[in-house]
Amino acid sequence: MKLEIISLGLIIFSVITIILGIIKIHTYPGKIAKARNHPQFEAIEVTSLLGLLVFPLWMAALVWAYSGAIVGVLYAADKQEEPKEPPSETESQQPGKAAGEGPSEEIEVQE
């Protein structure tokens, strides 16, 4: 009887240790994201914990933590505005100043 109780205690201890180890491993992506100052580290933490139910989510959270990608802004950088044309000479003069007054904006080329 004594041996059965000791065996049952070891089995319960082993199961609890394995469960806690799995939970600790599944929190690593959130810790990595927080250490790297990722702006979406809270979302990475949630995704990594959801990885307990669906393992590919944990892998995605790990890659997301290391990549620095910001979900929702990833493709916004593709839409860049066209460069504006430089202002003409009449627009570059400040109102109230004559053409000869103030610092000159011309660039002299030395040969």
PDB file of N, CA and C in Angstrom:
ATOM      1  N   MET A   1       0.818  -1.199   0.000  1.00  0.00           N
ATOM      2  CA  MET A   1       0.000   0.000   0.000  1.00  0.00           C
ATOM      3  C   MET A   1       0.859   1.259   0.000  1.00  0.00           C
ATOM      4  N   LYS A   2       1.942   1.229   0.782  1.00  0.00           N
ATOM      5  CA  LYS A   2       2.819   2.393   0.873  1.00  0.00           C
ATOM      6  C   LYS A   2       3.482   2.680  -0.475  1.00  0.00           C
ATOM      7  N   LEU A   3       3.877   1.635  -1.169  1.00  0.00           N
ATOM      8  CA  LEU A   3       4.527   1.799  -2.467  1.00  0.00           C
ATOM      9  C   LEU A   3       3.574   2.388  -3.507  1.00  0.00           C
ATOM     10  N   GLU A   4       2.298   2.025  -3.428  1.00  0.00           N
ATOM     11  CA  GLU A   4       1.299   2.560  -4.357  1.00  0.00           C
ATOM     12  C   GLU A   4       1.084   4.057  -4.136  1.00  0.00           C
ATOM     13  N   ILE A   5       1.080   4.501  -2.895  1.00  0.00           N
ATOM     14  CA  ILE A   5       0.902   5.927  -2.580  1.00  0.00           C
ATOM     15  C   ILE A   5       2.107   6.721  -3.072  1.00  0.00           C
ATOM     16  N   ILE A   6       3.302   6.190  -2.855  1.00  0.00           N
ATOM     17  CA  ILE A   6       4.520   6.872  -3.335  1.00  0.00           C
ATOM     18  C   ILE A   6       4.513   6.940  -4.862  1.00  0.00           C
ATOM     19  N   SER A   7       4.129   5.876  -5.522  1.00  0.00           N
ATOM     20  CA  SER A   7       4.071   5.865  -6.989  1.00  0.00           C
ATOM     21  C   SER A   7       3.044   6.864  -7.507  1.00  0.00           C
ATOM     22  N   LEU A   8       1.883   6.909  -6.877  1.00  0.00           N
ATOM     23  CA  LEU A   8       0.852   7.865  -7.280  1.00  0.00           C
ATOM     24  C   LEU A   8       1.331   9.303  -7.073  1.00  0.00           C
ATOM     25  N   GLY A   9       2.018   9.559  -5.963  1.00  0.00           N
ATOM     26  CA  GLY A   9       2.568  10.900  -5.698  1.00  0.00           C
ATOM     27  C   GLY A   9       3.598  11.294  -6.754  1.00  0.00           C
ATOM     28  N   LEU A  10       4.455  10.374  -7.155  1.00  0.00           N
ATOM     29  CA  LEU A  10       5.454  10.656  -8.193  1.00  0.00           C
ATOM     30  C   LEU A  10       4.797  10.922  -9.542  1.00  0.00           C
ATOM     31  N   ILE A  11       3.751  10.175  -9.846  1.00  0.00           N
ATOM     32  CA  ILE A  11       3.035  10.380 -11.109  1.00  0.00           C
ATOM     33  C   ILE A  11       2.379  11.758 -11.128  1.00  0.00           C
ATOM     34  N   ILE A  12       1.711  12.122 -10.040  1.00  0.00           N
ATOM     35  CA  ILE A  12       1.060  13.442  -9.960  1.00  0.00           C
ATOM     36  C   ILE A  12       2.106  14.553 -10.047  1.00  0.00           C
ATOM     37  N   PHE A  13       3.221  14.381  -9.316  1.00  0.00           N
ATOM     38  CA  PHE A  13       4.297  15.378  -9.368  1.00  0.00           C
ATOM     39  C   PHE A  13       4.841  15.524 -10.794  1.00  0.00           C
ATOM     40  N   SER A  14       5.027  14.415 -11.487  1.00  0.00           N
ATOM     41  CA  SER A  14       5.550  14.453 -12.857  1.00  0.00           C
ATOM     42  C   SER A  14       4.582  15.148 -13.812  1.00  0.00           C
ATOM     43  N   VAL A  15       3.290  14.855 -13.683  1.00  0.00           N
ATOM     44  CA  VAL A  15       2.285  15.477 -14.544  1.00  0.00           C
ATOM     45  C   VAL A  15       2.240  16.983 -14.313  1.00  0.00           C
ATOM     46  N   ILE A  16       2.250  17.397 -13.043  1.00  0.00           N
ATOM     47  CA  ILE A  16       2.228  18.833 -12.736  1.00  0.00           C
ATOM     48  C   ILE A  16       3.484  19.516 -13.271  1.00  0.00           C
ATOM     49  N   THR A  17       4.628  18.895 -13.119  1.00  0.00           N
ATOM     50  CA  THR A  17       5.888  19.462 -13.623  1.00  0.00           C
ATOM     51  C   THR A  17       5.862  19.606 -15.138  1.00  0.00           C
ATOM     52  N   ILE A  18       5.359  18.629 -15.830  1.00  0.00           N
ATOM     53  CA  ILE A  18       5.287  18.686 -17.296  1.00  0.00           C
ATOM     54  C   ILE A  18       4.315  19.784 -17.739  1.00  0.00           C
ATOM     55  N   ILE A  19       3.165  19.879 -17.084  1.00  0.00           N
ATOM     56  CA  ILE A  19       2.190  20.925 -17.439  1.00  0.00           C
ATOM     57  C   ILE A  19       2.772  22.316 -17.209  1.00  0.00           C
ATOM     58  N   LEU A  20       3.423  22.536 -16.066  1.00  0.00           N
ATOM     59  CA  LEU A  20       4.034  23.842 -15.792  1.00  0.00           C
ATOM     60  C   LEU A  20       5.163  24.154 -16.780  1.00  0.00           C
ATOM     61  N   GLY A  21       5.918  23.124 -17.165  1.00  0.00           N
ATOM     62  CA  GLY A  21       6.981  23.323 -18.157  1.00  0.00           C
ATOM     63  C   GLY A  21       6.418  23.730 -19.511  1.00  0.00           C
ATOM     64  N   ILE A  22       5.336  23.104 -19.919  1.00  0.00           N
ATOM     65  CA  ILE A  22       4.700  23.456 -21.195  1.00  0.00           C
ATOM     66  C   ILE A  22       4.162  24.879 -21.153  1.00  0.00           C
ATOM     67  N   ILE A  23       3.551  25.269 -20.046  1.00  0.00           N
ATOM     68  CA  ILE A  23       3.040  26.640 -19.922  1.00  0.00           C
ATOM     69  C   ILE A  23       4.196  27.640 -19.948  1.00  0.00           C
ATOM     70  N   LYS A  24       5.291  27.315 -19.264  1.00  0.00           N
ATOM     71  CA  LYS A  24       6.456  28.221 -19.256  1.00  0.00           C
ATOM     72  C   LYS A  24       7.029  28.396 -20.657  1.00  0.00           C
ATOM     73  N   ILE A  25       7.134  27.324 -21.405  1.00  0.00           N
ATOM     74  CA  ILE A  25       7.651  27.409 -22.779  1.00  0.00           C
ATOM     75  C   ILE A  25       6.707  28.223 -23.660  1.00  0.00           C
ATOM     76  N   HIS A  26       5.411  28.097 -23.428  1.00  0.00           N
ATOM     77  CA  HIS A  26       4.447  28.828 -24.252  1.00  0.00           C
ATOM     78  C   HIS A  26       4.381  30.312 -23.917  1.00  0.00           C
ATOM     79  N   THR A  27       5.007  30.754 -22.838  1.00  0.00           N
ATOM     80  CA  THR A  27       5.044  32.188 -22.532  1.00  0.00           C
ATOM     81  C   THR A  27       6.298  32.862 -23.074  1.00  0.00           C
ATOM     82  N   TYR A  28       7.230  32.112 -23.622  1.00  0.00           N
ATOM     83  CA  TYR A  28       8.480  32.696 -24.128  1.00  0.00           C
ATOM     84  C   TYR A  28       8.283  33.742 -25.230  1.00  0.00           C
ATOM     85  N   PRO A  29       7.430  33.543 -26.228  1.00  0.00           N
ATOM     86  CA  PRO A  29       7.284  34.590 -27.248  1.00  0.00           C
ATOM     87  C   PRO A  29       6.869  35.947 -26.665  1.00  0.00           C
ATOM     88  N   GLY A  30       5.996  35.943 -25.674  1.00  0.00           N
ATOM     89  CA  GLY A  30       5.599  37.199 -25.030  1.00  0.00           C
ATOM     90  C   GLY A  30       6.744  37.852 -24.300  1.00  0.00           C
ATOM     91  N   LYS A  31       7.561  37.045 -23.617  1.00  0.00           N
ATOM     92  CA  LYS A  31       8.723  37.587 -22.902  1.00  0.00           C
ATOM     93  C   LYS A  31       9.761  38.136 -23.877  1.00  0.00           C
ATOM     94  N   ILE A  32       9.950  37.454 -24.990  1.00  0.00           N
ATOM     95  CA  ILE A  32      10.903  37.921 -26.005  1.00  0.00           C
ATOM     96  C   ILE A  32      10.433  39.237 -26.594  1.00  0.00           C
ATOM     97  N   ALA A  33       9.141  39.322 -26.906  1.00  0.00           N
ATOM     98  CA  ALA A  33       8.595  40.554 -27.483  1.00  0.00           C
ATOM     99  C   ALA A  33       8.712  41.720 -26.510  1.00  0.00           C
ATOM    100  N   LYS A  34       8.472  41.473 -25.242  1.00  0.00           N
ATOM    101  CA  LYS A  34       8.572  42.537 -24.236  1.00  0.00           C
ATOM    102  C   LYS A  34      10.022  42.983 -24.070  1.00  0.00           C
ATOM    103  N   ALA A  35      10.953  42.040 -24.090  1.00  0.00           N
ATOM    104  CA  ALA A  35      12.369  42.382 -23.957  1.00  0.00           C
ATOM    105  C   ALA A  35      12.866  43.172 -25.162  1.00  0.00           C
ATOM    106  N   ARG A  36      12.294  42.921 -26.333  1.00  0.00           N
ATOM    107  CA  ARG A  36      12.705  43.634 -27.545  1.00  0.00           C
ATOM    108  C   ARG A  36      11.873  44.885 -27.795  1.00  0.00           C
ATOM    109  N   ASN A  37      11.028  45.266 -26.820  1.00  0.00           N
ATOM    110  CA  ASN A  37      10.172  46.459 -26.899  1.00  0.00           C
ATOM    111  C   ASN A  37       9.277  46.446 -28.132  1.00  0.00           C
ATOM    112  N   HIS A  38       8.680  45.310 -28.396  1.00  0.00           N
ATOM    113  CA  HIS A  38       7.763  45.192 -29.528  1.00  0.00           C
ATOM    114  C   HIS A  38       6.476  45.936 -29.193  1.00  0.00           C
ATOM    115  N   PRO A  39       5.960  46.778 -30.114  1.00  0.00           N
ATOM    116  CA  PRO A  39       4.769  47.558 -29.794  1.00  0.00           C
ATOM    117  C   PRO A  39       3.508  46.715 -29.590  1.00  0.00           C
ATOM    118  N   GLN A  40       3.503  45.487 -30.044  1.00  0.00           N
ATOM    119  CA  GLN A  40       2.326  44.627 -29.905  1.00  0.00           C
ATOM    120  C   GLN A  40       2.622  43.400 -29.038  1.00  0.00           C
ATOM    121  N   PHE A  41       3.408  43.596 -27.976  1.00  0.00           N
ATOM    122  CA  PHE A  41       3.807  42.441 -27.173  1.00  0.00           C
ATOM    123  C   PHE A  41       2.626  41.792 -26.458  1.00  0.00           C
ATOM    124  N   GLU A  42       1.590  42.560 -26.129  1.00  0.00           N
ATOM    125  CA  GLU A  42       0.431  41.970 -25.460  1.00  0.00           C
ATOM    126  C   GLU A  42      -0.309  41.013 -26.391  1.00  0.00           C
ATOM    127  N   ALA A  43      -0.418  41.388 -27.658  1.00  0.00           N
ATOM    128  CA  ALA A  43      -1.068  40.509 -28.631  1.00  0.00           C
ATOM    129  C   ALA A  43      -0.234  39.250 -28.854  1.00  0.00           C
ATOM    130  N   ILE A  44       1.072  39.391 -28.808  1.00  0.00           N
ATOM    131  CA  ILE A  44       1.949  38.229 -28.966  1.00  0.00           C
ATOM    132  C   ILE A  44       1.795  37.293 -27.772  1.00  0.00           C
ATOM    133  N   GLU A  45       1.662  37.852 -26.567  1.00  0.00           N
ATOM    134  CA  GLU A  45       1.448  37.027 -25.381  1.00  0.00           C
ATOM    135  C   GLU A  45       0.158  36.217 -25.497  1.00  0.00           C
ATOM    136  N   VAL A  46      -0.904  36.873 -25.932  1.00  0.00           N
ATOM    137  CA  VAL A  46      -2.189  36.181 -26.070  1.00  0.00           C
ATOM    138  C   VAL A  46      -2.101  35.096 -27.133  1.00  0.00           C
ATOM    139  N   THR A  47      -1.471  35.420 -28.246  1.00  0.00           N
ATOM    140  CA  THR A  47      -1.334  34.438 -29.327  1.00  0.00           C
ATOM    141  C   THR A  47      -0.507  33.235 -28.877  1.00  0.00           C
ATOM    142  N   SER A  48       0.553  33.500 -28.126  1.00  0.00           N
ATOM    143  CA  SER A  48       1.382  32.379 -27.675  1.00  0.00           C
ATOM    144  C   SER A  48       0.641  31.497 -26.670  1.00  0.00           C
ATOM    145  N   LEU A  49      -0.208  32.099 -25.824  1.00  0.00           N
ATOM    146  CA  LEU A  49      -0.991  31.279 -24.896  1.00  0.00           C
ATOM    147  C   LEU A  49      -2.111  30.521 -25.611  1.00  0.00           C
ATOM    148  N   LEU A  50      -2.642  31.107 -26.668  1.00  0.00           N
ATOM    149  CA  LEU A  50      -3.610  30.362 -27.483  1.00  0.00           C
ATOM    150  C   LEU A  50      -2.933  29.192 -28.186  1.00  0.00           C
ATOM    151  N   GLY A  51      -1.611  29.270 -28.306  1.00  0.00           N
ATOM    152  CA  GLY A  51      -0.853  28.164 -28.871  1.00  0.00           C
ATOM    153  C   GLY A  51      -0.924  26.911 -28.027  1.00  0.00           C
ATOM    154  N   LEU A  52      -1.376  27.038 -26.772  1.00  0.00           N
ATOM    155  CA  LEU A  52      -1.607  25.844 -25.960  1.00  0.00           C
ATOM    156  C   LEU A  52      -2.721  24.993 -26.561  1.00  0.00           C
ATOM    157  N   LEU A  53      -3.674  25.659 -27.215  1.00  0.00           N
ATOM    158  CA  LEU A  53      -4.780  24.938 -27.841  1.00  0.00           C
ATOM    159  C   LEU A  53      -4.475  24.571 -29.285  1.00  0.00           C
ATOM    160  N   VAL A  54      -3.850  25.502 -30.011  1.00  0.00           N
ATOM    161  CA  VAL A  54      -3.526  25.283 -31.432  1.00  0.00           C
ATOM    162  C   VAL A  54      -2.039  25.577 -31.598  1.00  0.00           C
ATOM    163  N   PHE A  55      -1.214  24.553 -31.743  1.00  0.00           N
ATOM    164  CA  PHE A  55       0.240  24.722 -31.730  1.00  0.00           C
ATOM    165  C   PHE A  55       0.778  25.686 -32.790  1.00  0.00           C
ATOM    166  N   PRO A  56       0.259  25.720 -34.021  1.00  0.00           N
ATOM    167  CA  PRO A  56       0.805  26.671 -35.002  1.00  0.00           C
ATOM    168  C   PRO A  56       0.705  28.133 -34.565  1.00  0.00           C
ATOM    169  N   LEU A  57      -0.245  28.465 -33.693  1.00  0.00           N
ATOM    170  CA  LEU A  57      -0.318  29.835 -33.179  1.00  0.00           C
ATOM    171  C   LEU A  57       0.905  30.176 -32.345  1.00  0.00           C
ATOM    172  N   TRP A  58       1.415  29.206 -31.584  1.00  0.00           N
ATOM    173  CA  TRP A  58       2.617  29.443 -30.798  1.00  0.00           C
ATOM    174  C   TRP A  58       3.818  29.690 -31.701  1.00  0.00           C
ATOM    175  N   MET A  59       3.923  28.916 -32.770  1.00  0.00           N
ATOM    176  CA  MET A  59       5.035  29.122 -33.706  1.00  0.00           C
ATOM    177  C   MET A  59       4.924  30.486 -34.381  1.00  0.00           C
ATOM    178  N   ALA A  60       3.709  30.877 -34.751  1.00  0.00           N
ATOM    179  CA  ALA A  60       3.509  32.190 -35.367  1.00  0.00           C
ATOM    180  C   ALA A  60       3.862  33.307 -34.388  1.00  0.00           C
ATOM    181  N   ALA A  61       3.509  33.143 -33.115  1.00  0.00           N
ATOM    182  CA  ALA A  61       3.835  34.150 -32.107  1.00  0.00           C
ATOM    183  C   ALA A  61       5.340  34.257 -31.909  1.00  0.00           C
ATOM    184  N   LEU A  62       6.038  33.153 -31.974  1.00  0.00           N
ATOM    185  CA  LEU A  62       7.493  33.172 -31.823  1.00  0.00           C
ATOM    186  C   LEU A  62       8.155  33.914 -32.984  1.00  0.00           C
ATOM    187  N   VAL A  63       7.707  33.633 -34.192  1.00  0.00           N
ATOM    188  CA  VAL A  63       8.242  34.335 -35.364  1.00  0.00           C
ATOM    189  C   VAL A  63       7.883  35.816 -35.303  1.00  0.00           C
ATOM    190  N   TRP A  64       6.668  36.127 -34.890  1.00  0.00           N
ATOM    191  CA  TRP A  64       6.186  37.507 -34.782  1.00  0.00           C
ATOM    192  C   TRP A  64       7.018  38.281 -33.753  1.00  0.00           C
ATOM    193  N   ALA A  65       7.367  37.641 -32.651  1.00  0.00           N
ATOM    194  CA  ALA A  65       8.160  38.302 -31.603  1.00  0.00           C
ATOM    195  C   ALA A  65       9.549  38.657 -32.101  1.00  0.00           C
ATOM    196  N   TYR A  66      10.147  37.783 -32.887  1.00  0.00           N
ATOM    197  CA  TYR A  66      11.494  38.046 -33.397  1.00  0.00           C
ATOM    198  C   TYR A  66      11.503  38.955 -34.620  1.00  0.00           C
ATOM    199  N   SER A  67      10.416  38.970 -35.394  1.00  0.00           N
ATOM    200  CA  SER A  67      10.426  39.713 -36.657  1.00  0.00           C
ATOM    201  C   SER A  67      10.274  41.211 -36.464  1.00  0.00           C
ATOM    202  N   GLY A  68       9.555  41.642 -35.463  1.00  0.00           N
ATOM    203  CA  GLY A  68       9.316  43.075 -35.277  1.00  0.00           C
ATOM    204  C   GLY A  68       8.210  43.602 -36.163  1.00  0.00           C
ATOM    205  N   ALA A  69       7.508  42.714 -36.862  1.00  0.00           N
ATOM    206  CA  ALA A  69       6.420  43.142 -37.737  1.00  0.00           C
ATOM    207  C   ALA A  69       5.253  43.645 -36.904  1.00  0.00           C
ATOM    208  N   ILE A  70       4.590  44.666 -37.410  1.00  0.00           N
ATOM    209  CA  ILE A  70       3.419  45.213 -36.741  1.00  0.00           C
ATOM    210  C   ILE A  70       2.211  44.851 -37.586  1.00  0.00           C
ATOM    211  N   VAL A  71       1.361  44.005 -37.066  1.00  0.00           N
ATOM    212  CA  VAL A  71       0.207  43.537 -37.812  1.00  0.00           C
ATOM    213  C   VAL A  71      -0.751  44.702 -38.016  1.00  0.00           C
ATOM    214  N   GLY A  72      -1.202  44.873 -39.244  1.00  0.00           N
ATOM    215  CA  GLY A  72      -2.098  45.967 -39.580  1.00  0.00           C
ATOM    216  C   GLY A  72      -1.365  47.143 -40.196  1.00  0.00           C
ATOM    217  N   VAL A  73      -0.053  47.221 -40.016  1.00  0.00           N
ATOM    218  CA  VAL A  73       0.740  48.316 -40.569  1.00  0.00           C
ATOM    219  C   VAL A  73       1.761  47.752 -41.551  1.00  0.00           C
ATOM    220  N   LEU A  74       1.785  46.443 -41.686  1.00  0.00           N
ATOM    221  CA  LEU A  74       2.798  45.784 -42.494  1.00  0.00           C
ATOM    222  C   LEU A  74       2.789  46.266 -43.940  1.00  0.00           C
ATOM    223  N   TYR A  75       1.607  46.436 -44.529  1.00  0.00           N
ATOM    224  CA  TYR A  75       1.521  46.819 -45.931  1.00  0.00           C
ATOM    225  C   TYR A  75       1.239  48.298 -46.111  1.00  0.00           C
ATOM    226  N   ALA A  76       1.120  49.066 -45.052  1.00  0.00           N
ATOM    227  CA  ALA A  76       0.852  50.498 -45.167  1.00  0.00           C
ATOM    228  C   ALA A  76       2.076  51.242 -45.699  1.00  0.00           C
ATOM    229  N   ALA A  77       3.260  50.690 -45.548  1.00  0.00           N
ATOM    230  CA  ALA A  77       4.472  51.356 -46.012  1.00  0.00           C
ATOM    231  C   ALA A  77       4.559  51.357 -47.541  1.00  0.00           C
ATOM    232  N   ASP A  78       3.806  50.482 -48.204  1.00  0.00           N
ATOM    233  CA  ASP A  78       3.839  50.432 -49.664  1.00  0.00           C
ATOM    234  C   ASP A  78       3.178  51.653 -50.291  1.00  0.00           C
ATOM    235  N   LYS A  79       2.270  52.268 -49.591  1.00  0.00           N
ATOM    236  CA  LYS A  79       1.535  53.414 -50.124  1.00  0.00           C
ATOM    237  C   LYS A  79       2.268  54.694 -49.745  1.00  0.00           C
ATOM    238  N   GLN A  80       3.260  55.062 -50.535  1.00  0.00           N
ATOM    239  CA  GLN A  80       4.018  56.278 -50.255  1.00  0.00           C
ATOM    240  C   GLN A  80       3.526  57.406 -51.144  1.00  0.00           C
ATOM    241  N   GLU A  81       3.565  58.602 -50.587  1.00  0.00           N
ATOM    242  CA  GLU A  81       3.152  59.752 -51.373  1.00  0.00           C
ATOM    243  C   GLU A  81       4.250  60.105 -52.369  1.00  0.00           C
ATOM    244  N   GLU A  82       3.811  60.666 -53.495  1.00  0.00           N
ATOM    245  CA  GLU A  82       4.785  61.092 -54.486  1.00  0.00           C
ATOM    246  C   GLU A  82       5.509  62.316 -53.955  1.00  0.00           C
ATOM    247  N   PRO A  83       6.800  62.455 -54.257  1.00  0.00           N
ATOM    248  CA  PRO A  83       7.530  63.626 -53.770  1.00  0.00           C
ATOM    249  C   PRO A  83       6.974  64.905 -54.382  1.00  0.00           C
ATOM    250  N   LYS A  84       6.902  65.930 -53.556  1.00  0.00           N
ATOM    251  CA  LYS A  84       6.385  67.203 -54.017  1.00  0.00           C
ATOM    252  C   LYS A  84       7.464  67.945 -54.791  1.00  0.00           C
ATOM    253  N   GLU A  85       7.014  68.751 -55.745  1.00  0.00           N
ATOM    254  CA  GLU A  85       7.959  69.545 -56.513  1.00  0.00           C
ATOM    255  C   GLU A  85       8.486  70.677 -55.632  1.00  0.00           C
ATOM    256  N   PRO A  86       9.738  71.086 -55.854  1.00  0.00           N
ATOM    257  CA  PRO A  86      10.265  72.196 -55.062  1.00  0.00           C
ATOM    258  C   PRO A  86       9.492  73.473 -55.379  1.00  0.00           C
ATOM    259  N   PRO A  87       9.344  74.360 -54.396  1.00  0.00           N
ATOM    260  CA  PRO A  87       8.587  75.590 -54.633  1.00  0.00           C
ATOM    261  C   PRO A  87       9.297  76.483 -55.643  1.00  0.00           C
ATOM    262  N   SER A  88       8.493  77.205 -56.396  1.00  0.00           N
ATOM    263  CA  SER A  88       9.084  78.112 -57.384  1.00  0.00           C
ATOM    264  C   SER A  88       9.708  79.302 -56.663  1.00  0.00           C
ATOM    265  N   GLU A  89      10.417  80.146 -57.406  1.00  0.00           N
ATOM    266  CA  GLU A  89      11.135  81.270 -56.796  1.00  0.00           C
ATOM    267  C   GLU A  89      10.184  82.252 -56.133  1.00  0.00           C
ATOM    268  N   THR A  90       9.010  82.468 -56.711  1.00  0.00           N
ATOM    269  CA  THR A  90       8.081  83.433 -56.130  1.00  0.00           C
ATOM    270  C   THR A  90       7.492  82.904 -54.816  1.00  0.00           C
ATOM    271  N   GLU A  91       7.346  81.565 -54.689  1.00  0.00           N
ATOM    272  CA  GLU A  91       6.801  81.001 -53.466  1.00  0.00           C
ATOM    273  C   GLU A  91       7.843  80.933 -52.359  1.00  0.00           C
ATOM    274  N   SER A  92       9.142  80.852 -52.740  1.00  0.00           N
ATOM    275  CA  SER A  92      10.177  80.693 -51.728  1.00  0.00           C
ATOM    276  C   SER A  92      10.474  81.995 -50.997  1.00  0.00           C
ATOM    277  N   GLN A  93      10.132  83.143 -51.586  1.00  0.00           N
ATOM    278  CA  GLN A  93      10.361  84.415 -50.901  1.00  0.00           C
ATOM    279  C   GLN A  93       9.289  84.611 -49.843  1.00  0.00           C
ATOM    280  N   GLN A  94       9.734  85.048 -48.682  1.00  0.00           N
ATOM    281  CA  GLN A  94       8.789  85.296 -47.610  1.00  0.00           C
ATOM    282  C   GLN A  94       8.096  86.625 -47.854  1.00  0.00           C
ATOM    283  N   PRO A  95       6.838  86.727 -47.520  1.00  0.00           N
ATOM    284  CA  PRO A  95       6.134  87.993 -47.731  1.00  0.00           C
ATOM    285  C   PRO A  95       6.726  89.085 -46.852  1.00  0.00           C
ATOM    286  N   GLY A  96       6.832  90.276 -47.419  1.00  0.00           N
ATOM    287  CA  GLY A  96       7.352  91.412 -46.676  1.00  0.00           C
ATOM    288  C   GLY A  96       8.842  91.614 -46.851  1.00  0.00           C
ATOM    289  N   LYS A  97       9.544  90.712 -47.523  1.00  0.00           N
ATOM    290  CA  LYS A  97      10.977  90.872 -47.750  1.00  0.00           C
ATOM    291  C   LYS A  97      11.221  91.107 -49.227  1.00  0.00           C
ATOM    292  N   ALA A  98      12.130  91.985 -49.496  1.00  0.00           N
ATOM    293  CA  ALA A  98      12.509  92.234 -50.885  1.00  0.00           C
ATOM    294  C   ALA A  98      13.478  91.148 -51.319  1.00  0.00           C
ATOM    295  N   ALA A  99      13.745  91.070 -52.615  1.00  0.00           N
ATOM    296  CA  ALA A  99      14.582  90.011 -53.153  1.00  0.00           C
ATOM    297  C   ALA A  99      16.009  90.097 -52.626  1.00  0.00           C
ATOM    298  N   GLY A 100      16.514  91.283 -52.324  1.00  0.00           N
ATOM    299  CA  GLY A 100      17.903  91.431 -51.896  1.00  0.00           C
ATOM    300  C   GLY A 100      18.086  91.331 -50.399  1.00  0.00           C
ATOM    301  N   GLU A 101      17.038  91.305 -49.624  1.00  0.00           N
ATOM    302  CA  GLU A 101      17.159  91.290 -48.177  1.00  0.00           C
ATOM    303  C   GLU A 101      17.229  89.855 -47.643  1.00  0.00           C
ATOM    304  N   GLY A 102      17.826  89.704 -46.463  1.00  0.00           N
ATOM    305  CA  GLY A 102      17.846  88.412 -45.796  1.00  0.00           C
ATOM    306  C   GLY A 102      18.905  87.492 -46.366  1.00  0.00           C
ATOM    307  N   PRO A 103      19.042  86.341 -45.780  1.00  0.00           N
ATOM    308  CA  PRO A 103      20.060  85.392 -46.255  1.00  0.00           C
ATOM    309  C   PRO A 103      19.710  84.842 -47.628  1.00  0.00           C
ATOM    310  N   SER A 104      20.726  84.645 -48.409  1.00  0.00           N
ATOM    311  CA  SER A 104      20.533  84.142 -49.766  1.00  0.00           C
ATOM    312  C   SER A 104      20.421  82.625 -49.731  1.00  0.00           C
ATOM    313  N   GLU A 105      19.541  82.083 -50.559  1.00  0.00           N
ATOM    314  CA  GLU A 105      19.357  80.642 -50.627  1.00  0.00           C
ATOM    315  C   GLU A 105      20.083  80.034 -51.821  1.00  0.00           C
ATOM    316  N   GLU A 106      20.856  80.833 -52.512  1.00  0.00           N
ATOM    317  CA  GLU A 106      21.570  80.337 -53.687  1.00  0.00           C
ATOM    318  C   GLU A 106      22.796  79.568 -53.247  1.00  0.00           C
ATOM    319  N   ILE A 107      23.137  78.565 -54.023  1.00  0.00           N
ATOM    320  CA  ILE A 107      24.320  77.759 -53.740  1.00  0.00           C
ATOM    321  C   ILE A 107      25.392  78.117 -54.748  1.00  0.00           C
ATOM    322  N   GLU A 108      26.558  78.474 -54.238  1.00  0.00           N
ATOM    323  CA  GLU A 108      27.671  78.849 -55.117  1.00  0.00           C
ATOM    324  C   GLU A 108      28.514  77.605 -55.367  1.00  0.00           C
ATOM    325  N   VAL A 109      28.851  77.372 -56.613  1.00  0.00           N
ATOM    326  CA  VAL A 109      29.657  76.236 -56.998  1.00  0.00           C
ATOM    327  C   VAL A 109      31.073  76.721 -57.244  1.00  0.00           C
ATOM    328  N   GLN A 110      32.042  76.137 -56.551  1.00  0.00           N
ATOM    329  CA  GLN A 110      33.434  76.514 -56.748  1.00  0.00           C
ATOM    330  C   GLN A 110      34.086  75.485 -57.644  1.00  0.00           C
ATOM    331  N   GLU A 111      34.852  75.975 -58.598  1.00  0.00           N
ATOM    332  CA  GLU A 111      35.505  75.066 -59.528  1.00  0.00           C
ATOM    333  C   GLU A 111      36.976  74.980 -59.255  1.00  0.00           C
TER     334      GLU A 111
END
